[in-house]
Amino acid sequence: MAKISIQHLHHTDQPDAAHRTRRLMDTFQAEKPHLVKTVTWSADGLQGEAKGKGFNGSFQVTATHIVVEINLSWIALPFKAKAESRLREQFVEEFGA
């Protein structure tokens, strides 16, 4: 199983970073409902899980970083580079480099 691991510095406070991360996830799920089946969040909104076609992942907002871990099944393996690149682009657009 292939894995995508991202830690992106967010340069903001934790509640704002969590809100912005949730907005990114909600937008992605709305744009790709055929890929993203479920997104669930912890009660405090600082951690979540996403499951979909060929992947399952977790994300966490710490005081300084957005941490993403995604496990890809063999069926999603050909899309690993594109998915990782797109996630990194989204984080740079939202939080800066």
Protein backbone atom coordinates (compact mmCIF):
# COMPACT_ATOMS: atom_id res chain seq x y z
CA MET A 1 0.00 0.00 0.00
CA ALA A 2 1.37 3.42 -0.96
CA LYS A 3 1.26 6.34 1.41
CA ILE A 4 1.12 10.12 1.09
CA SER A 5 2.48 12.04 4.08
CA ILE A 6 2.31 15.82 4.25
CA GLN A 7 3.18 18.27 7.02
CA HIS A 8 2.45 21.84 6.01
CA LEU A 9 3.24 24.87 8.20
CA HIS A 10 0.10 27.01 8.49
CA HIS A 11 1.33 30.39 9.90
CA THR A 12 -1.96 31.06 11.72
CA ASP A 13 -3.70 30.08 14.94
CA GLN A 14 -5.03 26.56 15.37
CA PRO A 15 -8.80 27.39 15.21
CA ASP A 16 -8.35 29.38 11.98
CA ALA A 17 -6.18 26.67 10.45
CA ALA A 18 -8.81 24.05 11.40
CA HIS A 19 -11.60 26.12 9.85
CA ARG A 20 -9.66 26.62 6.63
CA THR A 21 -8.69 22.94 6.46
CA ARG A 22 -12.32 21.93 6.90
CA ARG A 23 -13.34 24.31 4.12
CA LEU A 24 -10.72 22.75 1.82
CA MET A 25 -11.96 19.24 2.62
CA ASP A 26 -15.61 20.23 2.15
CA THR A 27 -14.83 21.82 -1.22
CA PHE A 28 -12.87 18.79 -2.40
CA GLN A 29 -15.65 16.41 -1.33
CA ALA A 30 -18.26 18.56 -3.11
CA GLU A 31 -16.16 18.71 -6.30
CA LYS A 32 -15.27 14.99 -6.28
CA PRO A 33 -18.22 13.09 -4.74
CA HIS A 34 -17.39 10.06 -6.88
CA LEU A 35 -13.97 9.86 -5.15
CA VAL A 36 -14.58 11.06 -1.59
CA LYS A 37 -17.29 9.04 0.14
CA THR A 38 -17.06 10.24 3.74
CA VAL A 39 -15.31 12.92 5.76
CA THR A 40 -15.72 12.87 9.53
CA TRP A 41 -14.39 15.31 12.10
CA SER A 42 -13.58 15.05 15.81
CA ALA A 43 -15.78 17.04 18.20
CA ASP A 44 -13.10 19.73 18.55
CA GLY A 45 -12.65 20.01 14.76
CA LEU A 46 -8.89 19.47 14.93
CA GLN A 47 -8.78 15.93 13.53
CA GLY A 48 -10.62 14.10 10.83
CA GLU A 49 -10.77 11.10 8.57
CA ALA A 50 -11.61 10.78 4.90
CA LYS A 51 -12.49 7.62 3.02
CA GLY A 52 -13.17 7.09 -0.61
CA LYS A 53 -12.47 5.21 -3.76
CA GLY A 54 -9.06 3.63 -3.28
CA PHE A 55 -7.93 5.58 -0.22
CA ASN A 56 -8.39 6.29 3.45
CA GLY A 57 -6.71 9.09 5.26
CA SER A 58 -6.43 11.14 8.39
CA PHE A 59 -5.66 14.77 8.97
CA GLN A 60 -4.83 16.77 12.03
CA VAL A 61 -4.39 20.47 12.73
CA THR A 62 -1.66 21.10 15.28
CA ALA A 63 -0.59 24.45 16.69
CA THR A 64 1.85 24.85 13.79
CA HIS A 65 1.07 22.32 11.01
CA ILE A 66 -1.56 20.57 8.95
CA VAL A 67 -0.63 16.87 9.07
CA VAL A 68 -2.06 14.53 6.44
CA GLU A 69 -1.56 10.77 6.13
CA ILE A 70 -3.26 8.99 3.23
CA ASN A 71 -3.10 5.28 2.46
CA LEU A 72 -3.69 4.45 -1.18
CA SER A 73 -4.84 1.07 -2.41
CA TRP A 74 -3.15 -0.48 -5.43
CA ILE A 75 -6.00 0.79 -7.63
CA ALA A 76 -5.19 4.41 -6.69
CA LEU A 77 -1.43 4.01 -6.94
CA PRO A 78 -1.19 5.49 -10.49
CA PHE A 79 -2.69 8.73 -9.11
CA LYS A 80 -0.34 9.11 -6.14
CA ALA A 81 1.93 11.79 -7.62
CA LYS A 82 -0.97 13.84 -8.96
CA ALA A 83 -2.94 13.60 -5.70
CA GLU A 84 0.07 14.54 -3.57
CA SER A 85 0.96 17.44 -5.84
CA ARG A 86 -2.61 18.77 -5.80
CA LEU A 87 -2.83 18.55 -2.01
CA ARG A 88 0.43 20.43 -1.60
CA GLU A 89 -0.76 23.10 -4.08
CA GLN A 90 -4.01 23.52 -2.13
CA PHE A 91 -2.12 23.99 1.13
CA VAL A 92 0.25 26.53 -0.43
CA GLU A 93 -2.71 28.46 -1.90
CA GLU A 94 -4.54 28.46 1.44
CA PHE A 95 -1.66 28.86 3.92
CA GLY A 96 1.34 30.08 1.92
CA ALA A 97 4.66 28.31 1.48
